[in-house]
Amino acid sequence: MPLAPFIRALGGGAGQVSMLARHRSRWGTYGIVSATLGGMRAAVDAGCDYVLVVSGQDYPIKPVGALREHLSEASGAAFMLYFGLPNPDWTVRDEGLWRLNRRHYRFGRWGVHVPNRWTPFVPLREMPKGQRPFAGSNWWSLPSDCARYVLDFLAENPDYVRFYRRAALPAESLFHTILLNSPLRERVVFNDLRYIVWRPGASHPETLDESHLPTLERTPAFLARKFDAARHPRVLDLIDERMLGLLTAA
């Protein structure tokens, strides 16, 4: 999705946007974590109160002032969806532990993990520092002190970085595991502030279109995903007009 409409919807202007260093980020690899950490560091250094992860397929569905008010009244809560591993509801591959207890490598389009059926005698990996692993959505919102804690923790524990570089989908575990094993865990709220539609058995969220507008107008969420401006451009204009109070071009 083009960046300009998203910036406009958040009330930002050209002087309020910083373009950071790019990271090679193949799907499901540590590059996504690296990019996230770069943005997190920039936000903390800039004195931001909260750090939110959003993608090009996210869009605000309430005025940014409402989101600011909610976060300012949250008493430093960290918002993320999470679950512990192993998860009995995750019936495939060690109840989700396969993402972490195997070493994962990517070669172009292809991903392999070790041990596998060809390397049955290679031992499974154990979590660094004996921590309990967690996983969850990587669309979270953290107060600055929680973000700073993550950055400091990784700087002080390079073995943690090495471990997660060979994990599968590390962005869906690293941040959750650090915070939920930390003194800040009581401040983590099970809520990602987003409206997302998952169909049973689907591997990806449903793409939102105009038929979702009535629900988008009722939900308490502040952002929604996934949108595809190429397939359903009209829904973003209607959100601007009906939910954000923005004037759309004729």
C-alpha atoms as a PDB file:
ATOM      1  CA  MET A   1       0.000   0.000   0.000  1.00  0.00           C
ATOM      2  CA  PRO A   2       1.419   3.476  -0.792  1.00  0.00           C
ATOM      3  CA  LEU A   3       2.913   5.236   2.227  1.00  0.00           C
ATOM      4  CA  ALA A   4       1.345   8.681   1.660  1.00  0.00           C
ATOM      5  CA  PRO A   5      -2.318   7.769   2.461  1.00  0.00           C
ATOM      6  CA  PHE A   6      -1.257   6.022   5.672  1.00  0.00           C
ATOM      7  CA  ILE A   7       0.806   9.028   6.802  1.00  0.00           C
ATOM      8  CA  ARG A   8      -2.101  11.343   6.035  1.00  0.00           C
ATOM      9  CA  ALA A   9      -4.520   9.141   8.001  1.00  0.00           C
ATOM     10  CA  LEU A  10      -2.200   9.312  11.021  1.00  0.00           C
ATOM     11  CA  GLY A  11      -2.090  13.098  10.762  1.00  0.00           C
ATOM     12  CA  GLY A  12       1.560  13.195   9.755  1.00  0.00           C
ATOM     13  CA  GLY A  13       3.337  15.565   7.424  1.00  0.00           C
ATOM     14  CA  ALA A  14       6.591  15.343   5.528  1.00  0.00           C
ATOM     15  CA  GLY A  15       8.598  16.672   8.480  1.00  0.00           C
ATOM     16  CA  GLN A  16       7.172  14.034  10.830  1.00  0.00           C
ATOM     17  CA  VAL A  17       8.420  10.976   8.957  1.00  0.00           C
ATOM     18  CA  SER A  18      11.900   9.483   9.261  1.00  0.00           C
ATOM     19  CA  MET A  19      13.086   6.977   6.673  1.00  0.00           C
ATOM     20  CA  LEU A  20      15.352   4.449   8.369  1.00  0.00           C
ATOM     21  CA  ALA A  21      17.936   2.047   7.012  1.00  0.00           C
ATOM     22  CA  ARG A  22      16.426  -0.796   5.010  1.00  0.00           C
ATOM     23  CA  HIS A  23      16.905  -4.441   5.996  1.00  0.00           C
ATOM     24  CA  ARG A  24      16.798  -7.525   3.817  1.00  0.00           C
ATOM     25  CA  SER A  25      13.685  -9.164   5.202  1.00  0.00           C
ATOM     26  CA  ARG A  26      12.628 -12.425   3.637  1.00  0.00           C
ATOM     27  CA  TRP A  27       9.352 -13.758   4.933  1.00  0.00           C
ATOM     28  CA  GLY A  28       9.710 -15.431   8.317  1.00  0.00           C
ATOM     29  CA  THR A  29      13.367 -14.500   8.869  1.00  0.00           C
ATOM     30  CA  TYR A  30      15.313 -12.412  11.391  1.00  0.00           C
ATOM     31  CA  GLY A  31      15.501  -9.522   8.941  1.00  0.00           C
ATOM     32  CA  ILE A  32      11.998  -8.516  10.023  1.00  0.00           C
ATOM     33  CA  VAL A  33      13.212  -8.404  13.634  1.00  0.00           C
ATOM     34  CA  SER A  34      16.200  -6.277  12.600  1.00  0.00           C
ATOM     35  CA  ALA A  35      13.943  -3.772  10.848  1.00  0.00           C
ATOM     36  CA  THR A  36      11.611  -3.667  13.854  1.00  0.00           C
ATOM     37  CA  LEU A  37      14.499  -3.097  16.263  1.00  0.00           C
ATOM     38  CA  GLY A  38      15.795  -0.273  14.066  1.00  0.00           C
ATOM     39  CA  GLY A  39      12.436   1.470  14.236  1.00  0.00           C
ATOM     40  CA  MET A  40      12.169   0.782  17.955  1.00  0.00           C
ATOM     41  CA  ARG A  41      15.566   2.332  18.631  1.00  0.00           C
ATOM     42  CA  ALA A  42      14.734   5.407  16.532  1.00  0.00           C
ATOM     43  CA  ALA A  43      11.417   5.883  18.372  1.00  0.00           C
ATOM     44  CA  VAL A  44      13.008   5.511  21.813  1.00  0.00           C
ATOM     45  CA  ASP A  45      15.829   7.903  20.929  1.00  0.00           C
ATOM     46  CA  ALA A  46      13.276  10.416  19.648  1.00  0.00           C
ATOM     47  CA  GLY A  47      11.482  10.373  23.002  1.00  0.00           C
ATOM     48  CA  CYS A  48       8.271   8.697  21.798  1.00  0.00           C
ATOM     49  CA  ASP A  49       5.911   7.519  24.533  1.00  0.00           C
ATOM     50  CA  TYR A  50       4.784   4.410  22.616  1.00  0.00           C
ATOM     51  CA  VAL A  51       6.158   2.243  19.821  1.00  0.00           C
ATOM     52  CA  LEU A  52       3.639   0.586  17.471  1.00  0.00           C
ATOM     53  CA  VAL A  53       4.417  -1.976  14.787  1.00  0.00           C
ATOM     54  CA  VAL A  54       2.331  -1.495  11.643  1.00  0.00           C
ATOM     55  CA  SER A  55       2.703  -2.824   8.123  1.00  0.00           C
ATOM     56  CA  GLY A  56       1.783  -1.529   4.692  1.00  0.00           C
ATOM     57  CA  GLN A  57      -1.467  -3.479   4.948  1.00  0.00           C
ATOM     58  CA  ASP A  58      -2.589  -1.858   8.222  1.00  0.00           C
ATOM     59  CA  TYR A  59      -4.760   1.256   8.399  1.00  0.00           C
ATOM     60  CA  PRO A  60      -6.164   3.379  11.237  1.00  0.00           C
ATOM     61  CA  ILE A  61      -9.929   3.091  11.737  1.00  0.00           C
ATOM     62  CA  LYS A  62     -10.240   5.710  14.499  1.00  0.00           C
ATOM     63  CA  PRO A  63      -8.809   9.241  14.576  1.00  0.00           C
ATOM     64  CA  VAL A  64      -5.230   9.258  15.808  1.00  0.00           C
ATOM     65  CA  GLY A  65      -6.317  11.496  18.690  1.00  0.00           C
ATOM     66  CA  ALA A  66      -8.470   8.674  20.043  1.00  0.00           C
ATOM     67  CA  LEU A  67      -5.514   6.293  19.913  1.00  0.00           C
ATOM     68  CA  ARG A  68      -3.271   8.822  21.663  1.00  0.00           C
ATOM     69  CA  GLU A  69      -5.872   9.297  24.389  1.00  0.00           C
ATOM     70  CA  HIS A  70      -6.243   5.551  24.886  1.00  0.00           C
ATOM     71  CA  LEU A  71      -2.501   5.039  25.205  1.00  0.00           C
ATOM     72  CA  SER A  72      -2.052   8.019  27.510  1.00  0.00           C
ATOM     73  CA  GLU A  73      -4.681   6.535  29.844  1.00  0.00           C
ATOM     74  CA  ALA A  74      -3.216   3.020  29.689  1.00  0.00           C
ATOM     75  CA  SER A  75      -0.856   3.510  32.672  1.00  0.00           C
ATOM     76  CA  GLY A  76       2.110   2.167  30.731  1.00  0.00           C
ATOM     77  CA  ALA A  77       0.406  -1.023  29.553  1.00  0.00           C
ATOM     78  CA  ALA A  78       2.000  -3.055  26.770  1.00  0.00           C
ATOM     79  CA  PHE A  79      -0.507  -4.347  24.211  1.00  0.00           C
ATOM     80  CA  MET A  80       0.129  -7.648  22.430  1.00  0.00           C
ATOM     81  CA  LEU A  81      -1.505 -10.994  21.715  1.00  0.00           C
ATOM     82  CA  TYR A  82       0.496 -13.948  23.041  1.00  0.00           C
ATOM     83  CA  PHE A  83       0.385 -17.566  24.166  1.00  0.00           C
ATOM     84  CA  GLY A  84       2.863 -19.842  25.868  1.00  0.00           C
ATOM     85  CA  LEU A  85       4.674 -22.674  24.111  1.00  0.00           C
ATOM     86  CA  PRO A  86       4.079 -25.522  23.861  1.00  0.00           C
ATOM     87  CA  ASN A  87       0.473 -24.696  23.014  1.00  0.00           C
ATOM     88  CA  PRO A  88      -1.925 -27.693  23.103  1.00  0.00           C
ATOM     89  CA  ASP A  89      -4.182 -25.946  20.580  1.00  0.00           C
ATOM     90  CA  TRP A  90      -1.302 -25.873  18.100  1.00  0.00           C
ATOM     91  CA  THR A  91      -1.392 -29.475  16.989  1.00  0.00           C
ATOM     92  CA  VAL A  92       1.347 -29.335  14.343  1.00  0.00           C
ATOM     93  CA  ARG A  93       5.049 -29.991  15.044  1.00  0.00           C
ATOM     94  CA  ASP A  94       5.650 -30.111  18.769  1.00  0.00           C
ATOM     95  CA  GLU A  95       2.723 -27.795  19.590  1.00  0.00           C
ATOM     96  CA  GLY A  96       4.540 -24.836  18.053  1.00  0.00           C
ATOM     97  CA  LEU A  97       7.970 -25.493  19.551  1.00  0.00           C
ATOM     98  CA  TRP A  98       9.354 -26.513  16.137  1.00  0.00           C
ATOM     99  CA  ARG A  99       9.785 -22.803  15.354  1.00  0.00           C
ATOM    100  CA  LEU A 100      12.401 -22.552  18.102  1.00  0.00           C
ATOM    101  CA  ASN A 101      13.849 -25.962  18.939  1.00  0.00           C
ATOM    102  CA  ARG A 102      15.141 -26.532  15.402  1.00  0.00           C
ATOM    103  CA  ARG A 103      17.706 -24.492  13.481  1.00  0.00           C
ATOM    104  CA  HIS A 104      16.050 -22.880  10.467  1.00  0.00           C
ATOM    105  CA  TYR A 105      17.813 -21.889   7.245  1.00  0.00           C
ATOM    106  CA  ARG A 106      16.491 -20.238   4.100  1.00  0.00           C
ATOM    107  CA  PHE A 107      17.859 -20.691   0.592  1.00  0.00           C
ATOM    108  CA  GLY A 108      15.938 -18.463  -1.784  1.00  0.00           C
ATOM    109  CA  ARG A 109      12.340 -19.672  -1.772  1.00  0.00           C
ATOM    110  CA  TRP A 110      13.184 -22.777   0.193  1.00  0.00           C
ATOM    111  CA  GLY A 111      13.409 -23.184   3.935  1.00  0.00           C
ATOM    112  CA  VAL A 112      14.927 -26.139   5.799  1.00  0.00           C
ATOM    113  CA  HIS A 113      15.228 -26.965   9.457  1.00  0.00           C
ATOM    114  CA  VAL A 114      17.586 -29.162  11.459  1.00  0.00           C
ATOM    115  CA  PRO A 115      16.959 -31.703  12.871  1.00  0.00           C
ATOM    116  CA  ASN A 116      14.656 -33.156  10.241  1.00  0.00           C
ATOM    117  CA  ARG A 117      14.040 -36.628   8.828  1.00  0.00           C
ATOM    118  CA  TRP A 118      17.556 -36.671   7.375  1.00  0.00           C
ATOM    119  CA  THR A 119      19.246 -35.580  10.620  1.00  0.00           C
ATOM    120  CA  PRO A 120      17.328 -37.475  13.319  1.00  0.00           C
ATOM    121  CA  PHE A 121      20.243 -37.609  15.777  1.00  0.00           C
ATOM    122  CA  VAL A 122      20.904 -33.857  15.952  1.00  0.00           C
ATOM    123  CA  PRO A 123      19.702 -32.637  19.372  1.00  0.00           C
ATOM    124  CA  LEU A 124      16.850 -30.181  19.664  1.00  0.00           C
ATOM    125  CA  ARG A 125      17.724 -26.673  20.793  1.00  0.00           C
ATOM    126  CA  GLU A 126      16.938 -25.331  24.242  1.00  0.00           C
ATOM    127  CA  MET A 127      15.827 -21.790  25.010  1.00  0.00           C
ATOM    128  CA  PRO A 128      18.628 -19.431  26.067  1.00  0.00           C
ATOM    129  CA  LYS A 129      18.660 -18.479  29.756  1.00  0.00           C
ATOM    130  CA  GLY A 130      16.158 -21.264  30.441  1.00  0.00           C
ATOM    131  CA  GLN A 131      13.258 -18.979  29.600  1.00  0.00           C
ATOM    132  CA  ARG A 132       9.750 -20.164  28.869  1.00  0.00           C
ATOM    133  CA  PRO A 133       9.026 -19.481  25.179  1.00  0.00           C
ATOM    134  CA  PHE A 134       6.040 -17.438  24.033  1.00  0.00           C
ATOM    135  CA  ALA A 135       4.625 -16.616  20.624  1.00  0.00           C
ATOM    136  CA  GLY A 136       1.899 -14.403  19.226  1.00  0.00           C
ATOM    137  CA  SER A 137       1.004 -11.605  16.847  1.00  0.00           C
ATOM    138  CA  ASN A 138       3.826  -9.254  15.948  1.00  0.00           C
ATOM    139  CA  TRP A 139       1.436  -6.284  15.672  1.00  0.00           C
ATOM    140  CA  TRP A 140       2.011  -4.864  19.141  1.00  0.00           C
ATOM    141  CA  SER A 141       2.139  -1.503  20.924  1.00  0.00           C
ATOM    142  CA  LEU A 142       4.765  -0.987  23.642  1.00  0.00           C
ATOM    143  CA  PRO A 143       5.425   1.932  25.995  1.00  0.00           C
ATOM    144  CA  SER A 144       8.907   3.356  25.652  1.00  0.00           C
ATOM    145  CA  ASP A 145      10.305   1.747  28.810  1.00  0.00           C
ATOM    146  CA  CYS A 146       9.238  -1.711  27.603  1.00  0.00           C
ATOM    147  CA  ALA A 147      10.804  -1.019  24.213  1.00  0.00           C
ATOM    148  CA  ARG A 148      13.996   0.156  25.923  1.00  0.00           C
ATOM    149  CA  TYR A 149      14.032  -2.991  28.057  1.00  0.00           C
ATOM    150  CA  VAL A 150      13.940  -5.166  24.909  1.00  0.00           C
ATOM    151  CA  LEU A 151      16.744  -3.194  23.277  1.00  0.00           C
ATOM    152  CA  ASP A 152      18.936  -3.319  26.392  1.00  0.00           C
ATOM    153  CA  PHE A 153      18.250  -7.008  26.922  1.00  0.00           C
ATOM    154  CA  LEU A 154      19.370  -7.899  23.402  1.00  0.00           C
ATOM    155  CA  ALA A 155      22.468  -5.701  23.694  1.00  0.00           C
ATOM    156  CA  GLU A 156      23.435  -7.521  26.888  1.00  0.00           C
ATOM    157  CA  ASN A 157      22.583 -11.016  25.602  1.00  0.00           C
ATOM    158  CA  PRO A 158      24.088 -11.600  22.133  1.00  0.00           C
ATOM    159  CA  ASP A 159      23.440 -15.338  22.528  1.00  0.00           C
ATOM    160  CA  TYR A 160      19.732 -14.502  22.419  1.00  0.00           C
ATOM    161  CA  VAL A 161      20.183 -12.805  19.059  1.00  0.00           C
ATOM    162  CA  ARG A 162      22.146 -15.777  17.725  1.00  0.00           C
ATOM    163  CA  PHE A 163      19.412 -18.156  18.879  1.00  0.00           C
ATOM    164  CA  TYR A 164      16.592 -16.241  17.211  1.00  0.00           C
ATOM    165  CA  ARG A 165      18.521 -15.762  13.970  1.00  0.00           C
ATOM    166  CA  ARG A 166      17.930 -19.489  13.397  1.00  0.00           C
ATOM    167  CA  ALA A 167      14.296 -19.513  14.561  1.00  0.00           C
ATOM    168  CA  ALA A 168      11.279 -19.635  12.266  1.00  0.00           C
ATOM    169  CA  LEU A 169       9.139 -16.465  12.253  1.00  0.00           C
ATOM    170  CA  PRO A 170      11.218 -14.920  15.064  1.00  0.00           C
ATOM    171  CA  ALA A 171       9.208 -11.662  15.048  1.00  0.00           C
ATOM    172  CA  GLU A 172       6.279 -13.679  16.388  1.00  0.00           C
ATOM    173  CA  SER A 173       8.213 -14.870  19.434  1.00  0.00           C
ATOM    174  CA  LEU A 174      11.283 -12.820  20.381  1.00  0.00           C
ATOM    175  CA  PHE A 175       9.519  -9.726  21.755  1.00  0.00           C
ATOM    176  CA  HIS A 176       6.852 -11.760  23.528  1.00  0.00           C
ATOM    177  CA  THR A 177       9.363 -14.104  25.171  1.00  0.00           C
ATOM    178  CA  ILE A 178      11.587 -11.282  26.412  1.00  0.00           C
ATOM    179  CA  LEU A 179       8.762  -9.259  27.956  1.00  0.00           C
ATOM    180  CA  LEU A 180       6.787 -12.174  29.406  1.00  0.00           C
ATOM    181  CA  ASN A 181       9.897 -13.463  31.169  1.00  0.00           C
ATOM    182  CA  SER A 182      10.748 -10.002  32.501  1.00  0.00           C
ATOM    183  CA  PRO A 183       9.767  -7.915  35.539  1.00  0.00           C
ATOM    184  CA  LEU A 184       7.449  -6.023  33.144  1.00  0.00           C
ATOM    185  CA  ARG A 185       5.251  -9.039  32.390  1.00  0.00           C
ATOM    186  CA  GLU A 186       2.390  -7.873  34.631  1.00  0.00           C
ATOM    187  CA  ARG A 187       1.934  -4.853  32.384  1.00  0.00           C
ATOM    188  CA  VAL A 188       1.337  -6.893  29.224  1.00  0.00           C
ATOM    189  CA  VAL A 189      -2.339  -6.715  28.171  1.00  0.00           C
ATOM    190  CA  PHE A 190      -3.773  -9.426  25.918  1.00  0.00           C
ATOM    191  CA  ASN A 191      -4.964  -7.048  23.210  1.00  0.00           C
ATOM    192  CA  ASP A 192      -3.273  -5.842  20.023  1.00  0.00           C
ATOM    193  CA  LEU A 193      -5.737  -2.945  19.448  1.00  0.00           C
ATOM    194  CA  ARG A 194      -6.429  -4.245  15.937  1.00  0.00           C
ATOM    195  CA  TYR A 195      -9.376  -5.625  13.995  1.00  0.00           C
ATOM    196  CA  ILE A 196      -8.327  -8.740  12.043  1.00  0.00           C
ATOM    197  CA  VAL A 197     -10.562 -11.409  10.496  1.00  0.00           C
ATOM    198  CA  TRP A 198      -9.330 -15.001  10.668  1.00  0.00           C
ATOM    199  CA  ARG A 199     -11.347 -17.745   9.007  1.00  0.00           C
ATOM    200  CA  PRO A 200     -11.124 -21.287  10.440  1.00  0.00           C
ATOM    201  CA  GLY A 201      -8.161 -23.142   8.986  1.00  0.00           C
ATOM    202  CA  ALA A 202      -6.834 -20.085   7.110  1.00  0.00           C
ATOM    203  CA  SER A 203      -3.102 -19.372   7.089  1.00  0.00           C
ATOM    204  CA  HIS A 204      -3.568 -15.633   6.460  1.00  0.00           C
ATOM    205  CA  PRO A 205      -6.093 -13.018   7.617  1.00  0.00           C
ATOM    206  CA  GLU A 206      -8.964 -12.111   5.331  1.00  0.00           C
ATOM    207  CA  THR A 207      -8.463  -9.077   3.108  1.00  0.00           C
ATOM    208  CA  LEU A 208     -10.906  -6.379   4.185  1.00  0.00           C
ATOM    209  CA  ASP A 209     -13.257  -4.647   1.730  1.00  0.00           C
ATOM    210  CA  GLU A 210     -16.379  -2.481   1.787  1.00  0.00           C
ATOM    211  CA  SER A 211     -18.499  -5.317   3.200  1.00  0.00           C
ATOM    212  CA  HIS A 212     -16.508  -5.063   6.454  1.00  0.00           C
ATOM    213  CA  LEU A 213     -17.286  -1.371   7.023  1.00  0.00           C
ATOM    214  CA  PRO A 214     -20.249  -1.877   9.400  1.00  0.00           C
ATOM    215  CA  THR A 215     -18.104  -4.031  11.681  1.00  0.00           C
ATOM    216  CA  LEU A 216     -15.142  -1.670  11.387  1.00  0.00           C
ATOM    217  CA  GLU A 217     -17.373   1.177  12.554  1.00  0.00           C
ATOM    218  CA  ARG A 218     -18.469  -0.797  15.643  1.00  0.00           C
ATOM    219  CA  THR A 219     -15.225  -2.426  16.753  1.00  0.00           C
ATOM    220  CA  PRO A 220     -13.307  -0.930  19.707  1.00  0.00           C
ATOM    221  CA  ALA A 221     -10.062  -1.539  17.789  1.00  0.00           C
ATOM    222  CA  PHE A 222      -7.975   1.420  16.628  1.00  0.00           C
ATOM    223  CA  LEU A 223      -6.319  -0.128  13.553  1.00  0.00           C
ATOM    224  CA  ALA A 224      -7.266  -2.897  11.142  1.00  0.00           C
ATOM    225  CA  ARG A 225      -5.591  -5.275   8.729  1.00  0.00           C
ATOM    226  CA  LYS A 226      -5.235  -6.584   6.074  1.00  0.00           C
ATOM    227  CA  PHE A 227      -6.037  -4.087   3.344  1.00  0.00           C
ATOM    228  CA  ASP A 228      -5.048  -4.309  -0.306  1.00  0.00           C
ATOM    229  CA  ALA A 229      -5.291  -0.928  -2.038  1.00  0.00           C
ATOM    230  CA  ALA A 230      -4.877  -2.547  -5.466  1.00  0.00           C
ATOM    231  CA  ARG A 231      -7.855  -4.884  -4.998  1.00  0.00           C
ATOM    232  CA  HIS A 232     -10.145  -2.795  -2.779  1.00  0.00           C
ATOM    233  CA  PRO A 233      -9.129   0.895  -2.950  1.00  0.00           C
ATOM    234  CA  ARG A 234     -12.596   2.253  -2.203  1.00  0.00           C
ATOM    235  CA  VAL A 235     -12.691   0.887   1.351  1.00  0.00           C
ATOM    236  CA  LEU A 236      -9.801   3.165   2.413  1.00  0.00           C
ATOM    237  CA  ASP A 237     -11.549   6.234   0.995  1.00  0.00           C
ATOM    238  CA  LEU A 238     -14.712   5.315   2.900  1.00  0.00           C
ATOM    239  CA  ILE A 239     -12.745   4.864   6.130  1.00  0.00           C
ATOM    240  CA  ASP A 240     -11.180   8.299   5.584  1.00  0.00           C
ATOM    241  CA  GLU A 241     -14.588   9.860   5.028  1.00  0.00           C
ATOM    242  CA  ARG A 242     -16.816   8.017   7.493  1.00  0.00           C
ATOM    243  CA  MET A 243     -14.457   7.100  10.335  1.00  0.00           C
ATOM    244  CA  LEU A 244     -11.464   9.457  10.259  1.00  0.00           C
ATOM    245  CA  GLY A 245     -13.157  12.663   9.170  1.00  0.00           C
ATOM    246  CA  LEU A 246     -10.738  13.206   6.316  1.00  0.00           C
ATOM    247  CA  LEU A 247     -11.770  14.775   3.022  1.00  0.00           C
ATOM    248  CA  THR A 248     -11.035  12.601   0.003  1.00  0.00           C
ATOM    249  CA  ALA A 249     -10.095  13.983  -3.362  1.00  0.00           C
ATOM    250  CA  ALA A 250     -12.903  14.165  -5.914  1.00  0.00           C
END
